[in-house]
Amino acid sequence: MKTNYYVYILQCGDNSFYTGITNNLERRLKQHQAGINPDCYTFTRRPLHLVYYEIYIDPKLAIEHEKKIKRWSRKKKIALINKEW
């Protein structure tokens, strides 16, 4: 069975964006919402809303895309979220 990798964007309660990667999107969203790690960017920025995700089979491509999105401007992230690419 192949593992899927998800690159995702959360909109935080302060209207900022958080971009991450996981192999279990549902579990990871629950972890963010529960505030498991006080050092995590999202810990003090809840509530969180999933606004975008992509599915990858190749973990290297997923990591590459996550890193690329993290460098993007807010305007470019919004265009991706709104499918105005």
C-alpha atoms as a PDB file:
ATOM      1  CA  MET A   1       0.000   0.000   0.000  1.00  0.00           C
ATOM      2  CA  LYS A   2       1.350   3.375  -1.009  1.00  0.00           C
ATOM      3  CA  THR A   3       1.504   6.206   1.478  1.00  0.00           C
ATOM      4  CA  ASN A   4       0.036   9.557   0.528  1.00  0.00           C
ATOM      5  CA  TYR A   5       1.738  12.762   1.600  1.00  0.00           C
ATOM      6  CA  TYR A   6      -0.239  15.941   2.052  1.00  0.00           C
ATOM      7  CA  VAL A   7       0.992  19.492   1.679  1.00  0.00           C
ATOM      8  CA  TYR A   8      -1.540  21.687   3.431  1.00  0.00           C
ATOM      9  CA  ILE A   9      -2.269  25.287   4.328  1.00  0.00           C
ATOM     10  CA  LEU A  10      -4.123  26.311   7.469  1.00  0.00           C
ATOM     11  CA  GLN A  11      -5.651  29.710   7.989  1.00  0.00           C
ATOM     12  CA  CYS A  12      -5.014  30.698  11.587  1.00  0.00           C
ATOM     13  CA  GLY A  13      -7.234  32.662  13.940  1.00  0.00           C
ATOM     14  CA  ASP A  14      -5.011  35.731  13.441  1.00  0.00           C
ATOM     15  CA  ASN A  15      -5.559  35.412   9.652  1.00  0.00           C
ATOM     16  CA  SER A  16      -1.994  34.231   9.003  1.00  0.00           C
ATOM     17  CA  PHE A  17      -1.213  31.031   7.088  1.00  0.00           C
ATOM     18  CA  TYR A  18       0.651  27.938   8.176  1.00  0.00           C
ATOM     19  CA  THR A  19       2.002  25.500   5.576  1.00  0.00           C
ATOM     20  CA  GLY A  20       2.885  21.955   6.544  1.00  0.00           C
ATOM     21  CA  ILE A  21       3.336  18.400   5.355  1.00  0.00           C
ATOM     22  CA  THR A  22       2.053  15.109   6.767  1.00  0.00           C
ATOM     23  CA  ASN A  23       1.253  11.540   5.822  1.00  0.00           C
ATOM     24  CA  ASN A  24      -2.001  11.621   7.815  1.00  0.00           C
ATOM     25  CA  LEU A  25      -3.945  14.836   7.265  1.00  0.00           C
ATOM     26  CA  GLU A  26      -6.823  14.100   9.626  1.00  0.00           C
ATOM     27  CA  ARG A  27      -4.520  13.198  12.524  1.00  0.00           C
ATOM     28  CA  ARG A  28      -2.289  16.215  11.917  1.00  0.00           C
ATOM     29  CA  LEU A  29      -5.235  18.628  11.864  1.00  0.00           C
ATOM     30  CA  LYS A  30      -6.453  17.211  15.172  1.00  0.00           C
ATOM     31  CA  GLN A  31      -2.974  17.703  16.644  1.00  0.00           C
ATOM     32  CA  HIS A  32      -2.907  21.325  15.510  1.00  0.00           C
ATOM     33  CA  GLN A  33      -6.406  21.973  16.904  1.00  0.00           C
ATOM     34  CA  ALA A  34      -5.572  20.312  20.225  1.00  0.00           C
ATOM     35  CA  GLY A  35      -2.449  22.415  20.648  1.00  0.00           C
ATOM     36  CA  ILE A  36      -0.167  19.478  21.458  1.00  0.00           C
ATOM     37  CA  ASN A  37       3.100  21.376  20.947  1.00  0.00           C
ATOM     38  CA  PRO A  38       3.394  24.809  22.608  1.00  0.00           C
ATOM     39  CA  ASP A  39       6.385  25.589  20.361  1.00  0.00           C
ATOM     40  CA  CYS A  40       4.341  25.131  17.184  1.00  0.00           C
ATOM     41  CA  TYR A  41       3.452  28.261  15.189  1.00  0.00           C
ATOM     42  CA  THR A  42      -0.245  27.403  15.355  1.00  0.00           C
ATOM     43  CA  PHE A  43      -0.375  26.876  19.146  1.00  0.00           C
ATOM     44  CA  THR A  44      -1.375  30.469  19.980  1.00  0.00           C
ATOM     45  CA  ARG A  45      -3.172  31.081  16.685  1.00  0.00           C
ATOM     46  CA  ARG A  46      -6.172  28.773  17.034  1.00  0.00           C
ATOM     47  CA  PRO A  47      -8.835  28.272  15.791  1.00  0.00           C
ATOM     48  CA  LEU A  48      -7.436  26.859  12.566  1.00  0.00           C
ATOM     49  CA  HIS A  49      -9.141  26.130   9.260  1.00  0.00           C
ATOM     50  CA  LEU A  50      -7.849  23.884   6.506  1.00  0.00           C
ATOM     51  CA  VAL A  51      -7.997  26.019   3.366  1.00  0.00           C
ATOM     52  CA  TYR A  52      -5.885  24.014   0.933  1.00  0.00           C
ATOM     53  CA  TYR A  53      -4.180  20.665   0.457  1.00  0.00           C
ATOM     54  CA  GLU A  54      -2.515  18.626  -2.252  1.00  0.00           C
ATOM     55  CA  ILE A  55      -1.821  14.894  -2.289  1.00  0.00           C
ATOM     56  CA  TYR A  56       1.542  13.442  -3.307  1.00  0.00           C
ATOM     57  CA  ILE A  57       2.855   9.904  -3.615  1.00  0.00           C
ATOM     58  CA  ASP A  58       6.512  10.939  -3.733  1.00  0.00           C
ATOM     59  CA  PRO A  59       7.628  12.372  -0.372  1.00  0.00           C
ATOM     60  CA  LYS A  60      10.517  14.265  -1.970  1.00  0.00           C
ATOM     61  CA  LEU A  61       8.136  16.161  -4.265  1.00  0.00           C
ATOM     62  CA  ALA A  62       5.842  16.909  -1.327  1.00  0.00           C
ATOM     63  CA  ILE A  63       8.705  18.317   0.757  1.00  0.00           C
ATOM     64  CA  GLU A  64       9.949  20.346  -2.203  1.00  0.00           C
ATOM     65  CA  HIS A  65       6.499  21.862  -2.773  1.00  0.00           C
ATOM     66  CA  GLU A  66       5.971  22.603   0.928  1.00  0.00           C
ATOM     67  CA  LYS A  67       9.270  24.480   1.083  1.00  0.00           C
ATOM     68  CA  LYS A  68       8.388  26.410  -2.070  1.00  0.00           C
ATOM     69  CA  ILE A  69       4.970  27.480  -0.723  1.00  0.00           C
ATOM     70  CA  LYS A  70       6.535  28.584   2.576  1.00  0.00           C
ATOM     71  CA  ARG A  71       8.681  31.083   0.636  1.00  0.00           C
ATOM     72  CA  TRP A  72       5.709  32.544  -1.242  1.00  0.00           C
ATOM     73  CA  SER A  73       4.071  35.852  -0.478  1.00  0.00           C
ATOM     74  CA  ARG A  74       0.678  35.970   1.203  1.00  0.00           C
ATOM     75  CA  LYS A  75      -0.840  37.163  -2.092  1.00  0.00           C
ATOM     76  CA  LYS A  76       0.513  34.149  -3.978  1.00  0.00           C
ATOM     77  CA  LYS A  77      -0.740  31.740  -1.272  1.00  0.00           C
ATOM     78  CA  ILE A  78      -4.209  33.287  -1.476  1.00  0.00           C
ATOM     79  CA  ALA A  79      -4.181  32.843  -5.265  1.00  0.00           C
ATOM     80  CA  LEU A  80      -3.318  29.153  -4.798  1.00  0.00           C
ATOM     81  CA  ILE A  81      -6.042  28.690  -2.162  1.00  0.00           C
ATOM     82  CA  ASN A  82      -8.612  30.395  -4.395  1.00  0.00           C
ATOM     83  CA  LYS A  83      -7.479  28.426  -7.477  1.00  0.00           C
ATOM     84  CA  GLU A  84      -6.665  31.675  -9.266  1.00  0.00           C
ATOM     85  CA  TRP A  85      -3.368  30.337 -10.385  1.00  0.00           C
END
